[in-house]
N, C-alpha and C. Protein backbone atom coordinates (compact mmCIF):
# COMPACT_ATOMS: atom_id res chain seq x y z
N MET A 1 0.81 -1.20 0.00
CA MET A 1 0.00 0.00 0.00
C MET A 1 0.86 1.27 0.00
N PHE A 2 1.91 1.29 0.85
CA PHE A 2 2.82 2.43 0.90
C PHE A 2 4.21 1.96 0.50
N ILE A 3 5.00 2.89 -0.03
CA ILE A 3 6.39 2.55 -0.32
C ILE A 3 7.18 2.58 1.00
N GLU A 4 8.29 1.84 1.02
CA GLU A 4 9.11 1.77 2.23
C GLU A 4 9.89 3.06 2.48
N ASN A 5 10.48 3.58 1.42
CA ASN A 5 11.37 4.74 1.52
C ASN A 5 11.10 5.70 0.37
N ILE A 6 11.50 6.94 0.58
CA ILE A 6 11.40 7.94 -0.48
C ILE A 6 12.66 8.80 -0.45
N LYS A 7 13.17 9.14 -1.62
CA LYS A 7 14.38 9.96 -1.70
C LYS A 7 14.02 11.43 -1.56
N ASN A 8 14.96 12.22 -1.03
CA ASN A 8 14.74 13.67 -0.89
C ASN A 8 14.36 14.31 -2.22
N GLU A 9 14.97 13.84 -3.30
CA GLU A 9 14.68 14.40 -4.62
C GLU A 9 13.21 14.18 -4.99
N GLU A 10 12.67 13.01 -4.62
CA GLU A 10 11.27 12.70 -4.90
C GLU A 10 10.34 13.55 -4.04
N VAL A 11 10.71 13.74 -2.78
CA VAL A 11 9.91 14.59 -1.88
C VAL A 11 9.86 16.01 -2.43
N ASN A 12 10.99 16.50 -2.90
CA ASN A 12 11.06 17.88 -3.40
C ASN A 12 10.18 18.13 -4.62
N LEU A 13 9.80 17.08 -5.34
CA LEU A 13 8.93 17.22 -6.50
C LEU A 13 7.45 17.34 -6.13
N LEU A 14 7.12 17.00 -4.88
CA LEU A 14 5.73 17.02 -4.45
C LEU A 14 5.25 18.44 -4.14
N GLU A 15 3.94 18.63 -4.23
CA GLU A 15 3.33 19.91 -3.85
C GLU A 15 3.61 20.17 -2.37
N CYS A 16 3.95 21.42 -2.05
CA CYS A 16 4.18 21.82 -0.66
C CYS A 16 2.86 22.30 -0.07
N ARG A 17 2.49 21.72 1.06
CA ARG A 17 1.25 22.13 1.73
C ARG A 17 1.54 22.49 3.17
N SER A 18 0.63 23.27 3.74
CA SER A 18 0.75 23.63 5.15
C SER A 18 -0.65 23.74 5.74
N PHE A 19 -0.70 23.82 7.03
CA PHE A 19 -1.96 23.93 7.75
C PHE A 19 -2.67 25.21 7.33
N ASP A 20 -3.97 25.11 7.02
CA ASP A 20 -4.70 26.31 6.61
C ASP A 20 -5.92 26.59 7.48
N GLY A 21 -5.95 25.98 8.66
CA GLY A 21 -7.05 26.23 9.59
C GLY A 21 -6.73 27.38 10.52
N GLU A 22 -7.46 27.44 11.61
CA GLU A 22 -7.29 28.50 12.60
C GLU A 22 -6.09 28.19 13.49
N ILE A 23 -5.18 29.16 13.61
CA ILE A 23 -4.01 29.02 14.47
C ILE A 23 -4.18 29.96 15.67
N ILE A 24 -4.15 29.37 16.86
CA ILE A 24 -4.33 30.15 18.09
C ILE A 24 -3.05 30.08 18.90
N VAL A 25 -2.41 31.23 19.10
CA VAL A 25 -1.24 31.30 19.97
C VAL A 25 -1.76 31.41 21.40
N VAL A 26 -1.40 30.43 22.21
CA VAL A 26 -1.90 30.35 23.59
C VAL A 26 -0.82 30.91 24.50
N ASP A 27 -1.03 32.16 24.95
CA ASP A 27 -0.04 32.84 25.78
C ASP A 27 -0.65 33.47 27.03
N SER A 28 -1.88 33.03 27.37
CA SER A 28 -2.53 33.51 28.59
C SER A 28 -3.31 32.36 29.22
N GLN A 29 -3.62 32.51 30.48
CA GLN A 29 -4.36 31.47 31.18
C GLN A 29 -5.74 31.24 30.57
N THR A 30 -6.40 32.30 30.18
CA THR A 30 -7.73 32.19 29.59
C THR A 30 -7.67 31.39 28.28
N LYS A 31 -6.71 31.71 27.43
CA LYS A 31 -6.57 30.98 26.17
C LYS A 31 -6.20 29.52 26.42
N LEU A 32 -5.37 29.28 27.42
CA LEU A 32 -4.97 27.91 27.74
C LEU A 32 -6.18 27.10 28.21
N ASP A 33 -6.98 27.67 29.07
CA ASP A 33 -8.17 26.97 29.56
C ASP A 33 -9.12 26.61 28.42
N LYS A 34 -9.32 27.55 27.48
CA LYS A 34 -10.18 27.29 26.32
C LYS A 34 -9.59 26.20 25.42
N ALA A 35 -8.29 26.25 25.22
CA ALA A 35 -7.62 25.26 24.37
C ALA A 35 -7.76 23.87 24.98
N ILE A 36 -7.49 23.75 26.26
CA ILE A 36 -7.56 22.44 26.93
C ILE A 36 -8.99 21.92 26.90
N GLU A 37 -9.96 22.80 27.09
CA GLU A 37 -11.37 22.39 27.05
C GLU A 37 -11.70 21.78 25.68
N TYR A 38 -11.21 22.40 24.61
CA TYR A 38 -11.43 21.89 23.26
C TYR A 38 -10.69 20.56 23.06
N LEU A 39 -9.43 20.52 23.45
CA LEU A 39 -8.59 19.34 23.20
C LEU A 39 -9.07 18.11 23.95
N GLN A 40 -9.54 18.28 25.16
CA GLN A 40 -9.94 17.11 25.95
C GLN A 40 -11.20 16.43 25.41
N ASP A 41 -11.88 17.06 24.47
CA ASP A 41 -13.06 16.46 23.84
C ASP A 41 -12.74 15.79 22.51
N GLN A 42 -11.47 15.77 22.12
CA GLN A 42 -11.08 15.17 20.84
C GLN A 42 -10.65 13.71 21.05
N PRO A 43 -10.97 12.82 20.11
CA PRO A 43 -10.51 11.43 20.26
C PRO A 43 -9.00 11.31 20.04
N TYR A 44 -8.45 12.14 19.15
CA TYR A 44 -7.00 12.17 18.94
C TYR A 44 -6.61 13.56 18.44
N ILE A 45 -5.36 13.91 18.71
CA ILE A 45 -4.84 15.21 18.33
C ILE A 45 -3.39 15.05 17.85
N GLY A 46 -2.99 15.90 16.91
CA GLY A 46 -1.60 15.95 16.51
C GLY A 46 -0.82 16.69 17.56
N PHE A 47 0.44 16.28 17.75
CA PHE A 47 1.26 16.87 18.82
C PHE A 47 2.69 17.06 18.34
N ASP A 48 3.29 18.15 18.78
CA ASP A 48 4.71 18.38 18.56
C ASP A 48 5.19 19.35 19.63
N ALA A 49 6.50 19.49 19.72
CA ALA A 49 7.10 20.44 20.66
C ALA A 49 8.30 21.08 19.99
N GLU A 50 8.54 22.32 20.32
CA GLU A 50 9.69 23.05 19.78
C GLU A 50 10.51 23.60 20.93
N ALA A 51 11.81 23.62 20.72
CA ALA A 51 12.74 24.19 21.68
C ALA A 51 13.63 25.18 20.95
N ARG A 52 14.18 26.10 21.70
CA ARG A 52 15.16 27.00 21.10
C ARG A 52 16.33 26.15 20.61
N PRO A 53 16.82 26.40 19.41
CA PRO A 53 17.91 25.57 18.89
C PRO A 53 19.14 25.59 19.80
N ARG A 54 19.78 24.44 19.89
CA ARG A 54 21.01 24.31 20.67
C ARG A 54 22.16 24.10 19.68
N PHE A 55 23.17 24.88 19.83
CA PHE A 55 24.32 24.74 18.94
C PHE A 55 25.57 24.29 19.70
N ILE A 56 25.42 24.07 21.01
CA ILE A 56 26.53 23.62 21.84
C ILE A 56 26.25 22.19 22.28
N LYS A 57 27.17 21.30 21.97
CA LYS A 57 26.99 19.90 22.31
C LYS A 57 26.84 19.75 23.83
N GLY A 58 25.82 18.97 24.22
CA GLY A 58 25.58 18.71 25.64
C GLY A 58 24.71 19.74 26.33
N SER A 59 24.31 20.81 25.62
CA SER A 59 23.45 21.81 26.26
C SER A 59 22.05 21.24 26.42
N LYS A 60 21.37 21.70 27.46
CA LYS A 60 20.03 21.17 27.76
C LYS A 60 19.00 21.70 26.79
N ARG A 61 18.02 20.85 26.51
CA ARG A 61 16.92 21.21 25.60
C ARG A 61 15.76 21.72 26.44
N HIS A 62 15.39 22.97 26.25
CA HIS A 62 14.27 23.57 26.98
C HIS A 62 13.10 23.75 26.03
N ILE A 63 12.01 23.05 26.28
CA ILE A 63 10.82 23.17 25.45
C ILE A 63 10.22 24.56 25.64
N ALA A 64 9.99 25.24 24.54
CA ALA A 64 9.40 26.58 24.58
C ALA A 64 7.96 26.59 24.09
N LEU A 65 7.63 25.61 23.23
CA LEU A 65 6.32 25.62 22.57
C LEU A 65 5.78 24.21 22.43
N LEU A 66 4.51 24.05 22.73
CA LEU A 66 3.80 22.80 22.47
C LEU A 66 2.76 23.09 21.40
N GLN A 67 2.66 22.16 20.42
CA GLN A 67 1.68 22.32 19.36
C GLN A 67 0.68 21.17 19.43
N PHE A 68 -0.58 21.52 19.39
CA PHE A 68 -1.67 20.55 19.35
C PHE A 68 -2.55 20.92 18.16
N ALA A 69 -2.97 19.92 17.37
CA ALA A 69 -3.77 20.25 16.18
C ALA A 69 -4.82 19.18 15.90
N THR A 70 -5.91 19.64 15.30
CA THR A 70 -6.93 18.77 14.72
C THR A 70 -6.99 19.14 13.24
N ASP A 71 -8.05 18.77 12.57
CA ASP A 71 -8.12 19.06 11.14
C ASP A 71 -8.26 20.55 10.83
N ASN A 72 -8.84 21.32 11.76
CA ASN A 72 -9.08 22.73 11.44
C ASN A 72 -8.64 23.73 12.52
N LYS A 73 -8.06 23.23 13.62
CA LYS A 73 -7.58 24.12 14.68
C LYS A 73 -6.21 23.68 15.15
N ALA A 74 -5.36 24.68 15.37
CA ALA A 74 -4.04 24.41 15.94
C ALA A 74 -3.80 25.37 17.10
N PHE A 75 -3.34 24.81 18.19
CA PHE A 75 -3.03 25.60 19.38
C PHE A 75 -1.53 25.57 19.58
N LEU A 76 -0.93 26.75 19.62
CA LEU A 76 0.50 26.89 19.87
C LEU A 76 0.66 27.38 21.30
N VAL A 77 0.98 26.47 22.20
CA VAL A 77 1.00 26.76 23.63
C VAL A 77 2.40 27.21 24.04
N ARG A 78 2.50 28.44 24.48
CA ARG A 78 3.77 29.05 24.87
C ARG A 78 4.16 28.62 26.29
N VAL A 79 4.78 27.46 26.41
CA VAL A 79 5.20 27.00 27.74
C VAL A 79 6.37 27.82 28.26
N ASP A 80 7.07 28.53 27.38
CA ASP A 80 8.12 29.43 27.85
C ASP A 80 7.52 30.59 28.65
N ILE A 81 6.26 30.91 28.41
CA ILE A 81 5.56 31.97 29.13
C ILE A 81 4.69 31.39 30.25
N LEU A 82 3.93 30.33 29.93
CA LEU A 82 2.93 29.79 30.87
C LEU A 82 3.46 28.69 31.77
N GLY A 83 4.56 28.07 31.39
CA GLY A 83 5.04 26.91 32.13
C GLY A 83 4.25 25.67 31.75
N LEU A 84 4.63 24.56 32.31
CA LEU A 84 3.96 23.29 32.04
C LEU A 84 2.90 23.09 33.12
N GLN A 85 1.73 23.65 32.86
CA GLN A 85 0.68 23.70 33.87
C GLN A 85 -0.06 22.36 34.01
N LYS A 86 -0.79 22.25 35.12
CA LYS A 86 -1.50 21.02 35.45
C LYS A 86 -2.47 20.58 34.36
N ASN A 87 -3.20 21.51 33.74
CA ASN A 87 -4.16 21.10 32.72
C ASN A 87 -3.47 20.58 31.46
N ILE A 88 -2.23 21.01 31.21
CA ILE A 88 -1.45 20.44 30.10
C ILE A 88 -1.04 19.02 30.48
N ILE A 89 -0.58 18.85 31.71
CA ILE A 89 -0.21 17.52 32.21
C ILE A 89 -1.42 16.59 32.14
N ASP A 90 -2.60 17.12 32.46
CA ASP A 90 -3.82 16.30 32.40
C ASP A 90 -4.04 15.75 30.99
N ILE A 91 -3.78 16.56 29.97
CA ILE A 91 -3.89 16.08 28.57
C ILE A 91 -2.84 15.00 28.32
N PHE A 92 -1.61 15.25 28.75
CA PHE A 92 -0.53 14.26 28.56
C PHE A 92 -0.86 12.92 29.23
N GLU A 93 -1.53 12.97 30.37
CA GLU A 93 -1.84 11.75 31.11
C GLU A 93 -3.20 11.16 30.76
N SER A 94 -3.97 11.84 29.93
CA SER A 94 -5.32 11.39 29.58
C SER A 94 -5.28 10.09 28.77
N LYS A 95 -6.12 9.16 29.18
CA LYS A 95 -6.27 7.91 28.43
C LYS A 95 -7.43 8.03 27.44
N LYS A 96 -8.09 9.16 27.47
CA LYS A 96 -9.23 9.42 26.58
C LYS A 96 -8.79 10.06 25.26
N VAL A 97 -7.70 10.82 25.29
CA VAL A 97 -7.23 11.56 24.12
C VAL A 97 -5.91 10.95 23.65
N ILE A 98 -5.87 10.48 22.40
CA ILE A 98 -4.64 9.95 21.82
C ILE A 98 -3.84 11.13 21.27
N LYS A 99 -2.57 11.19 21.65
CA LYS A 99 -1.67 12.24 21.19
C LYS A 99 -0.73 11.62 20.16
N VAL A 100 -0.74 12.15 18.93
CA VAL A 100 0.01 11.57 17.82
C VAL A 100 1.12 12.54 17.41
N GLY A 101 2.34 12.05 17.45
CA GLY A 101 3.48 12.87 17.07
C GLY A 101 4.50 12.04 16.32
N SER A 102 5.67 12.61 16.13
CA SER A 102 6.74 11.91 15.42
C SER A 102 8.07 12.21 16.10
N GLY A 103 8.78 11.15 16.46
CA GLY A 103 10.08 11.32 17.10
C GLY A 103 9.98 12.02 18.44
N MET A 104 9.14 11.52 19.31
CA MET A 104 8.82 12.21 20.56
C MET A 104 9.74 11.89 21.73
N THR A 105 10.72 11.02 21.55
CA THR A 105 11.55 10.60 22.68
C THR A 105 12.25 11.78 23.35
N ASP A 106 12.92 12.63 22.57
CA ASP A 106 13.62 13.78 23.15
C ASP A 106 12.65 14.78 23.76
N ASP A 107 11.50 14.97 23.10
CA ASP A 107 10.50 15.90 23.63
C ASP A 107 9.99 15.42 24.99
N MET A 108 9.67 14.14 25.10
CA MET A 108 9.17 13.59 26.36
C MET A 108 10.22 13.71 27.46
N TYR A 109 11.46 13.43 27.12
CA TYR A 109 12.55 13.53 28.10
C TYR A 109 12.64 14.97 28.63
N ALA A 110 12.64 15.94 27.71
CA ALA A 110 12.74 17.35 28.11
C ALA A 110 11.52 17.80 28.91
N LEU A 111 10.33 17.36 28.51
CA LEU A 111 9.12 17.74 29.23
C LEU A 111 9.09 17.15 30.64
N LYS A 112 9.54 15.91 30.78
CA LYS A 112 9.58 15.28 32.10
C LYS A 112 10.61 15.93 33.01
N LYS A 113 11.61 16.57 32.44
CA LYS A 113 12.58 17.34 33.23
C LYS A 113 11.92 18.60 33.80
N MET A 114 10.95 19.13 33.05
CA MET A 114 10.24 20.33 33.50
C MET A 114 9.27 19.99 34.64
N LYS A 115 8.58 18.87 34.49
CA LYS A 115 7.60 18.44 35.49
C LYS A 115 7.35 16.95 35.30
N ARG A 116 7.28 16.23 36.38
CA ARG A 116 7.06 14.78 36.30
C ARG A 116 5.61 14.49 35.92
N PHE A 117 5.44 13.52 35.03
CA PHE A 117 4.11 13.06 34.67
C PHE A 117 4.23 11.68 34.05
N ASN A 118 3.10 11.00 33.93
CA ASN A 118 3.04 9.67 33.34
C ASN A 118 2.31 9.76 32.00
N PRO A 119 3.05 9.82 30.90
CA PRO A 119 2.40 9.96 29.59
C PRO A 119 1.51 8.76 29.28
N ALA A 120 0.35 9.06 28.72
CA ALA A 120 -0.59 7.99 28.34
C ALA A 120 -1.10 8.25 26.93
N CYS A 121 -1.27 7.18 26.19
CA CYS A 121 -1.89 7.22 24.86
C CYS A 121 -1.16 8.13 23.88
N PHE A 122 0.16 8.02 23.84
CA PHE A 122 0.96 8.70 22.83
C PHE A 122 1.26 7.71 21.72
N VAL A 123 1.12 8.13 20.48
CA VAL A 123 1.46 7.30 19.32
C VAL A 123 2.57 8.02 18.58
N ASP A 124 3.72 7.35 18.45
CA ASP A 124 4.85 7.91 17.71
C ASP A 124 4.81 7.36 16.29
N LEU A 125 4.59 8.23 15.33
CA LEU A 125 4.46 7.81 13.93
C LEU A 125 5.72 7.14 13.40
N GLN A 126 6.88 7.45 13.96
CA GLN A 126 8.10 6.79 13.51
C GLN A 126 8.02 5.28 13.76
N GLU A 127 7.34 4.89 14.82
CA GLU A 127 7.14 3.47 15.11
C GLU A 127 5.87 2.93 14.46
N TYR A 128 4.79 3.69 14.57
CA TYR A 128 3.47 3.26 14.10
C TYR A 128 3.47 2.96 12.59
N THR A 129 4.17 3.78 11.81
CA THR A 129 4.15 3.59 10.35
C THR A 129 4.92 2.34 9.91
N LYS A 130 5.75 1.81 10.78
CA LYS A 130 6.46 0.56 10.45
C LYS A 130 5.47 -0.59 10.25
N LYS A 131 4.32 -0.53 10.94
CA LYS A 131 3.28 -1.55 10.77
C LYS A 131 2.72 -1.55 9.35
N PHE A 132 2.92 -0.43 8.64
CA PHE A 132 2.43 -0.29 7.27
C PHE A 132 3.57 -0.44 6.26
N GLY A 133 4.73 -0.90 6.74
CA GLY A 133 5.87 -1.15 5.86
C GLY A 133 6.71 0.07 5.53
N ILE A 134 6.48 1.18 6.22
CA ILE A 134 7.23 2.41 5.96
C ILE A 134 8.49 2.41 6.83
N MET A 135 9.64 2.50 6.19
CA MET A 135 10.90 2.45 6.92
C MET A 135 11.53 3.83 7.15
N ASP A 136 11.20 4.81 6.30
CA ASP A 136 11.69 6.17 6.55
C ASP A 136 11.09 6.66 7.85
N ASN A 137 11.83 7.52 8.57
CA ASN A 137 11.25 7.97 9.83
C ASN A 137 11.30 9.47 10.07
N SER A 138 11.72 10.26 9.09
CA SER A 138 11.62 11.71 9.29
C SER A 138 10.18 12.13 9.02
N LEU A 139 9.73 13.15 9.74
CA LEU A 139 8.36 13.62 9.57
C LEU A 139 8.11 14.04 8.12
N ARG A 140 9.08 14.68 7.52
CA ARG A 140 8.95 15.15 6.13
C ARG A 140 8.73 13.97 5.18
N LYS A 141 9.51 12.91 5.35
CA LYS A 141 9.40 11.77 4.45
C LYS A 141 8.15 10.93 4.73
N ILE A 142 7.81 10.76 6.00
CA ILE A 142 6.58 10.01 6.32
C ILE A 142 5.37 10.74 5.76
N THR A 143 5.37 12.06 5.88
CA THR A 143 4.27 12.86 5.32
C THR A 143 4.16 12.65 3.81
N ALA A 144 5.30 12.68 3.14
CA ALA A 144 5.30 12.49 1.68
C ALA A 144 4.75 11.12 1.31
N ILE A 145 5.15 10.10 2.05
CA ILE A 145 4.71 8.73 1.74
C ILE A 145 3.22 8.54 2.03
N VAL A 146 2.78 8.98 3.20
CA VAL A 146 1.40 8.72 3.62
C VAL A 146 0.41 9.70 3.01
N LEU A 147 0.76 10.98 2.98
CA LEU A 147 -0.20 12.01 2.54
C LEU A 147 0.04 12.49 1.11
N GLY A 148 1.21 12.20 0.55
CA GLY A 148 1.46 12.54 -0.85
C GLY A 148 1.80 13.99 -1.11
N PHE A 149 2.21 14.74 -0.09
CA PHE A 149 2.69 16.10 -0.29
C PHE A 149 3.90 16.32 0.62
N ARG A 150 4.57 17.45 0.40
CA ARG A 150 5.72 17.75 1.25
C ARG A 150 5.39 18.91 2.16
N ILE A 151 6.14 18.97 3.26
CA ILE A 151 6.01 20.09 4.19
C ILE A 151 7.35 20.80 4.26
N SER A 152 7.30 22.08 4.54
CA SER A 152 8.52 22.87 4.66
C SER A 152 9.08 22.73 6.07
N LYS A 153 10.38 22.59 6.17
CA LYS A 153 11.04 22.54 7.47
C LYS A 153 11.95 23.77 7.63
N SER A 154 11.67 24.83 6.90
CA SER A 154 12.55 26.00 6.88
C SER A 154 12.59 26.76 8.21
N GLN A 155 11.57 26.63 9.03
CA GLN A 155 11.53 27.36 10.31
C GLN A 155 12.01 26.52 11.49
N ARG A 156 12.51 25.33 11.21
CA ARG A 156 12.90 24.38 12.26
C ARG A 156 13.86 24.98 13.28
N LEU A 157 14.80 25.77 12.84
CA LEU A 157 15.80 26.34 13.74
C LEU A 157 15.45 27.76 14.20
N SER A 158 14.17 28.08 14.22
CA SER A 158 13.71 29.39 14.68
C SER A 158 13.93 29.56 16.18
N ASN A 159 13.89 30.80 16.60
CA ASN A 159 13.91 31.10 18.03
C ASN A 159 12.47 31.02 18.55
N TRP A 160 12.16 29.95 19.26
CA TRP A 160 10.81 29.71 19.76
C TRP A 160 10.55 30.40 21.09
N GLU A 161 11.52 31.20 21.55
CA GLU A 161 11.33 31.96 22.79
C GLU A 161 11.19 33.46 22.52
N LYS A 162 11.13 33.86 21.27
CA LYS A 162 11.00 35.29 20.98
C LYS A 162 9.61 35.79 21.38
N ASP A 163 9.48 37.08 21.56
CA ASP A 163 8.22 37.67 22.04
C ASP A 163 7.04 37.40 21.13
N GLU A 164 7.24 37.59 19.84
CA GLU A 164 6.17 37.39 18.86
C GLU A 164 6.66 36.44 17.78
N TYR A 165 5.81 35.51 17.37
CA TYR A 165 6.15 34.61 16.28
C TYR A 165 5.78 35.26 14.96
N THR A 166 6.57 34.97 13.94
CA THR A 166 6.22 35.41 12.59
C THR A 166 5.10 34.50 12.08
N ASN A 167 4.44 34.94 11.01
CA ASN A 167 3.41 34.08 10.40
C ASN A 167 4.02 32.78 9.90
N ALA A 168 5.25 32.83 9.40
CA ALA A 168 5.93 31.62 8.92
C ALA A 168 6.17 30.65 10.08
N GLN A 169 6.57 31.15 11.23
CA GLN A 169 6.77 30.29 12.40
C GLN A 169 5.45 29.64 12.83
N LYS A 170 4.40 30.43 12.87
CA LYS A 170 3.09 29.91 13.29
C LYS A 170 2.63 28.81 12.35
N ARG A 171 2.74 29.06 11.06
CA ARG A 171 2.30 28.08 10.07
C ARG A 171 3.14 26.80 10.17
N TYR A 172 4.44 26.95 10.31
CA TYR A 172 5.33 25.80 10.46
C TYR A 172 4.95 24.96 11.68
N ALA A 173 4.80 25.63 12.82
CA ALA A 173 4.49 24.92 14.07
C ALA A 173 3.13 24.21 13.98
N ALA A 174 2.15 24.88 13.43
CA ALA A 174 0.82 24.27 13.27
C ALA A 174 0.88 23.09 12.31
N THR A 175 1.63 23.24 11.24
CA THR A 175 1.72 22.19 10.22
C THR A 175 2.32 20.91 10.79
N ASP A 176 3.38 21.03 11.58
CA ASP A 176 4.01 19.83 12.14
C ASP A 176 3.03 18.99 12.97
N ALA A 177 2.20 19.63 13.76
CA ALA A 177 1.21 18.89 14.56
C ALA A 177 0.06 18.40 13.68
N TRP A 178 -0.36 19.23 12.74
CA TRP A 178 -1.49 18.90 11.87
C TRP A 178 -1.21 17.68 11.00
N VAL A 179 -0.01 17.58 10.41
CA VAL A 179 0.27 16.43 9.56
C VAL A 179 0.29 15.14 10.37
N CYS A 180 0.67 15.21 11.63
CA CYS A 180 0.61 14.02 12.50
C CYS A 180 -0.84 13.58 12.67
N TYR A 181 -1.71 14.55 12.89
CA TYR A 181 -3.15 14.28 13.01
C TYR A 181 -3.68 13.65 11.72
N GLU A 182 -3.35 14.25 10.58
CA GLU A 182 -3.86 13.79 9.29
C GLU A 182 -3.34 12.40 8.92
N MET A 183 -2.08 12.14 9.21
CA MET A 183 -1.53 10.81 8.91
C MET A 183 -2.20 9.74 9.76
N TYR A 184 -2.39 10.02 11.04
CA TYR A 184 -3.03 9.05 11.91
C TYR A 184 -4.45 8.78 11.44
N LYS A 185 -5.17 9.85 11.08
CA LYS A 185 -6.54 9.70 10.56
C LYS A 185 -6.56 8.80 9.33
N LYS A 186 -5.62 9.03 8.42
CA LYS A 186 -5.57 8.22 7.20
C LYS A 186 -5.21 6.77 7.52
N LEU A 187 -4.24 6.56 8.38
CA LEU A 187 -3.82 5.19 8.73
C LEU A 187 -4.92 4.44 9.47
N LEU A 188 -5.68 5.14 10.29
CA LEU A 188 -6.82 4.51 10.97
C LEU A 188 -7.88 4.01 9.99
N SER A 189 -8.01 4.71 8.87
CA SER A 189 -9.06 4.36 7.90
C SER A 189 -8.68 3.14 7.05
N ILE A 190 -7.44 2.71 7.12
CA ILE A 190 -6.98 1.57 6.30
C ILE A 190 -7.27 0.26 7.00
């Protein structure tokens, strides 16, 4: 059904797509409460985390942003401003909401350093897609294989702790979580 691997040259030939729904930057308690209320009613959500880039070997990874997405809404939660609050931990520990991401090992390690919690119902697409014969494990390549389009990774090394995000940063952050949601939805339907 799916190819095992795809070359960068083949990915580059695909149409570039990004999230085109509502993007909400969550930087206040009121916005966080509304976001969590929405997210806790979803059966599954796309998930990602961003940290300020580290260029020194051995430096600690500090998560600055959490991204949660569905098909038409993306929440960019500024944990650099709000911290890792209890209602965020409640989502992480929820057995009712499946959190779908890609390559989450480092993110989970960094988040658990911020606050202890017991993650529940996380699906890592790097592992999950192996059940479908997909051997590539970068988010860009898995997206190309499963969804048939490419995503831009140009904002990957952005400063996620700056006061205001650019539109390009917002779209990038929302897209990373959204494609995880969309891939899981497609794989569930097979």
